[in-house]
Amino acid sequence: MGVSGAGKTVVGQTLAQAIGWMFVDADDFHSPENKAKMHRGIGLTDADRAPWLAALRAHLERELAEGHRLVLACSALKQAYREALIPSAFALDVRVVYLRVPRSVLHERLADRHHPFATPALLDSQLATLEEPTDALDVDGTQPISDIVDFIRANLGV
């Protein structure tokens, strides 16, 4: 989890590949309306996010119930969002990893990348919404991807 530009997708994909798990990108679950809103540089509200979180939770519930292991890349900016995502029956099996990245680095990364709807204009909105987790594995997201993945694997035993 983390704000746009933290490296969730590349870290998640690399981790999933390294441990042989499925990778899921929460961005794929956004409605066309949410994507259009973000593309215009407008941050999402809790009401905008509610159906998205519900769809993600339903997906996680199905996959976990079938015994699949997966890595989910998701902003999950507020504690309430994280709680809404995690199916209670699997709460003990889910671990949250927070990619912590300074604003200046996030700004630089976002300026250098093209994303279909998460624009640099959303950074301030995301940082304002962010509730840093107290119960997550806190990772320095400025490190090389391989070091981040090694750190996650060592600390979560995967």
Protein backbone atom coordinates (compact mmCIF):
# COMPACT_ATOMS: atom_id res chain seq x y z
CA MET A 1 0.00 0.00 0.00
CA GLY A 2 0.98 3.61 -0.45
CA VAL A 3 0.26 6.68 -2.47
CA SER A 4 0.58 6.95 -6.22
CA GLY A 5 4.20 6.70 -7.25
CA ALA A 6 5.29 4.67 -4.21
CA GLY A 7 6.09 1.66 -6.38
CA LYS A 8 3.19 -0.62 -5.43
CA THR A 9 2.78 -2.18 -8.86
CA VAL A 10 6.42 -2.89 -9.67
CA VAL A 11 7.18 -4.11 -6.14
CA GLY A 12 4.00 -6.20 -6.08
CA GLN A 13 4.68 -7.76 -9.48
CA THR A 14 8.31 -8.49 -8.59
CA LEU A 15 7.37 -9.98 -5.21
CA ALA A 16 4.57 -12.11 -6.68
CA GLN A 17 6.89 -13.45 -9.38
CA ALA A 18 9.63 -14.19 -6.83
CA ILE A 19 7.33 -16.23 -4.58
CA GLY A 20 5.08 -17.74 -7.23
CA TRP A 21 1.89 -16.01 -6.16
CA MET A 22 -0.79 -14.31 -8.23
CA PHE A 23 -0.54 -10.53 -8.67
CA VAL A 24 -3.61 -8.29 -8.49
CA ASP A 25 -3.55 -4.55 -9.23
CA ALA A 26 -6.36 -2.66 -7.49
CA ASP A 27 -6.31 -0.09 -10.29
CA ASP A 28 -7.92 -2.71 -12.53
CA PHE A 29 -11.03 -2.61 -10.31
CA HIS A 30 -11.74 1.12 -10.60
CA SER A 31 -14.91 2.07 -12.42
CA PRO A 32 -14.66 4.06 -15.66
CA GLU A 33 -16.16 7.01 -13.74
CA ASN A 34 -13.44 6.85 -11.07
CA LYS A 35 -10.73 6.59 -13.72
CA ALA A 36 -12.14 9.60 -15.59
CA LYS A 37 -12.33 11.62 -12.39
CA MET A 38 -8.72 10.82 -11.47
CA HIS A 39 -7.57 11.51 -15.03
CA ARG A 40 -9.00 15.03 -14.61
CA GLY A 41 -6.86 15.39 -11.45
CA ILE A 42 -9.80 15.10 -9.05
CA GLY A 43 -9.24 12.98 -5.97
CA LEU A 44 -11.74 10.28 -5.12
CA THR A 45 -14.10 10.58 -2.18
CA ASP A 46 -15.01 7.84 0.26
CA ALA A 47 -18.26 7.40 -1.67
CA ASP A 48 -16.29 6.98 -4.92
CA ARG A 49 -14.05 4.39 -3.30
CA ALA A 50 -16.77 2.31 -1.59
CA PRO A 51 -17.81 0.21 -4.64
CA TRP A 52 -14.16 -0.20 -5.62
CA LEU A 53 -13.24 -1.48 -2.16
CA ALA A 54 -16.26 -3.81 -2.16
CA ALA A 55 -15.25 -5.28 -5.53
CA LEU A 56 -11.68 -5.78 -4.34
CA ARG A 57 -12.84 -7.43 -1.11
CA ALA A 58 -15.14 -9.78 -3.01
CA HIS A 59 -12.28 -10.71 -5.33
CA LEU A 60 -9.91 -11.33 -2.41
CA GLU A 61 -12.54 -13.37 -0.60
CA ARG A 62 -13.06 -15.63 -3.64
CA GLU A 63 -9.37 -16.10 -4.30
CA LEU A 64 -8.47 -16.78 -0.67
CA ALA A 65 -11.42 -19.15 -0.23
CA GLU A 66 -10.13 -21.13 -3.21
CA GLY A 67 -6.73 -21.38 -1.53
CA HIS A 68 -4.95 -18.99 -3.87
CA ARG A 69 -2.13 -16.84 -2.56
CA LEU A 70 -1.80 -13.36 -3.95
CA VAL A 71 -0.08 -10.02 -3.76
CA LEU A 72 -2.40 -7.02 -4.05
CA ALA A 73 -1.07 -3.60 -5.05
CA CYS A 74 -3.54 -1.09 -3.62
CA SER A 75 -3.33 2.45 -2.30
CA ALA A 76 -5.46 1.57 0.77
CA LEU A 77 -4.78 5.07 2.08
CA LYS A 78 -7.00 5.01 5.18
CA GLN A 79 -7.26 2.49 7.98
CA ALA A 80 -10.98 2.14 7.19
CA TYR A 81 -10.12 1.22 3.58
CA ARG A 82 -7.66 -1.43 4.75
CA GLU A 83 -10.28 -2.84 7.10
CA ALA A 84 -12.87 -2.83 4.32
CA LEU A 85 -10.50 -4.75 2.03
CA ILE A 86 -9.57 -7.61 4.29
CA PRO A 87 -12.14 -10.39 4.60
CA SER A 88 -12.48 -11.11 8.33
CA ALA A 89 -12.27 -14.88 7.77
CA PHE A 90 -8.77 -14.36 6.38
CA ALA A 91 -7.57 -11.45 8.54
CA LEU A 92 -4.81 -13.53 10.13
CA ASP A 93 -3.51 -14.54 6.70
CA VAL A 94 -3.26 -11.02 5.27
CA ARG A 95 -0.25 -8.79 5.78
CA VAL A 96 -0.03 -5.11 4.85
CA VAL A 97 3.21 -3.64 3.50
CA TYR A 98 3.51 0.14 3.47
CA LEU A 99 5.87 1.64 0.90
CA ARG A 100 7.01 4.85 2.53
CA VAL A 101 8.39 7.39 0.05
CA PRO A 102 9.12 11.09 0.69
CA ARG A 103 6.94 13.62 -1.13
CA SER A 104 9.88 14.98 -3.14
CA VAL A 105 10.68 11.51 -4.51
CA LEU A 106 7.00 10.82 -5.24
CA HIS A 107 6.73 14.11 -7.13
CA GLU A 108 9.83 13.27 -9.17
CA ARG A 109 8.58 9.77 -9.99
CA LEU A 110 5.14 10.97 -11.02
CA ALA A 111 6.59 13.68 -13.23
CA ASP A 112 8.60 11.03 -15.08
CA ARG A 113 5.87 8.45 -15.66
CA HIS A 114 2.76 8.11 -17.75
CA HIS A 115 -0.24 6.53 -16.05
CA PRO A 116 -3.63 6.30 -17.75
CA PHE A 117 -5.49 7.97 -14.88
CA ALA A 118 -3.33 8.48 -11.78
CA THR A 119 -1.86 11.87 -12.61
CA PRO A 120 0.70 13.91 -10.65
CA ALA A 121 -2.14 16.31 -9.78
CA LEU A 122 -3.50 13.66 -7.40
CA LEU A 123 -0.41 13.53 -5.18
CA ASP A 124 -1.47 16.27 -2.75
CA SER A 125 -4.95 14.74 -2.44
CA GLN A 126 -3.49 11.30 -1.76
CA LEU A 127 -1.03 12.58 0.81
CA ALA A 128 -3.83 14.48 2.55
CA THR A 129 -5.94 11.30 2.65
CA LEU A 130 -3.10 9.00 3.76
CA GLU A 131 -3.35 7.54 7.25
CA GLU A 132 -0.01 5.86 7.78
CA PRO A 133 -0.58 2.37 9.16
CA THR A 134 0.66 1.38 12.58
CA ASP A 135 0.22 -2.34 11.99
CA ALA A 136 2.00 -2.78 8.64
CA LEU A 137 5.47 -3.72 7.58
CA ASP A 138 7.00 -0.29 6.97
CA VAL A 139 9.36 -0.34 3.98
CA ASP A 140 11.66 2.35 2.60
CA GLY A 141 10.24 2.63 -0.91
CA THR A 142 13.28 4.54 -2.16
CA GLN A 143 15.49 1.44 -2.09
CA PRO A 144 16.15 -0.68 -5.19
CA ILE A 145 13.23 -2.98 -6.04
CA SER A 146 15.28 -6.13 -5.39
CA ASP A 147 16.22 -4.87 -1.91
CA ILE A 148 12.59 -4.02 -1.14
CA VAL A 149 11.43 -7.47 -2.22
CA ASP A 150 14.21 -9.15 -0.21
CA PHE A 151 13.24 -7.09 2.86
CA ILE A 152 9.55 -8.01 2.50
CA ARG A 153 10.35 -11.69 2.04
CA ALA A 154 12.66 -11.76 5.04
CA ASN A 155 10.21 -9.94 7.30
CA LEU A 156 7.08 -11.81 6.23
CA GLY A 157 8.70 -15.20 5.78
CA VAL A 158 7.63 -15.64 2.15
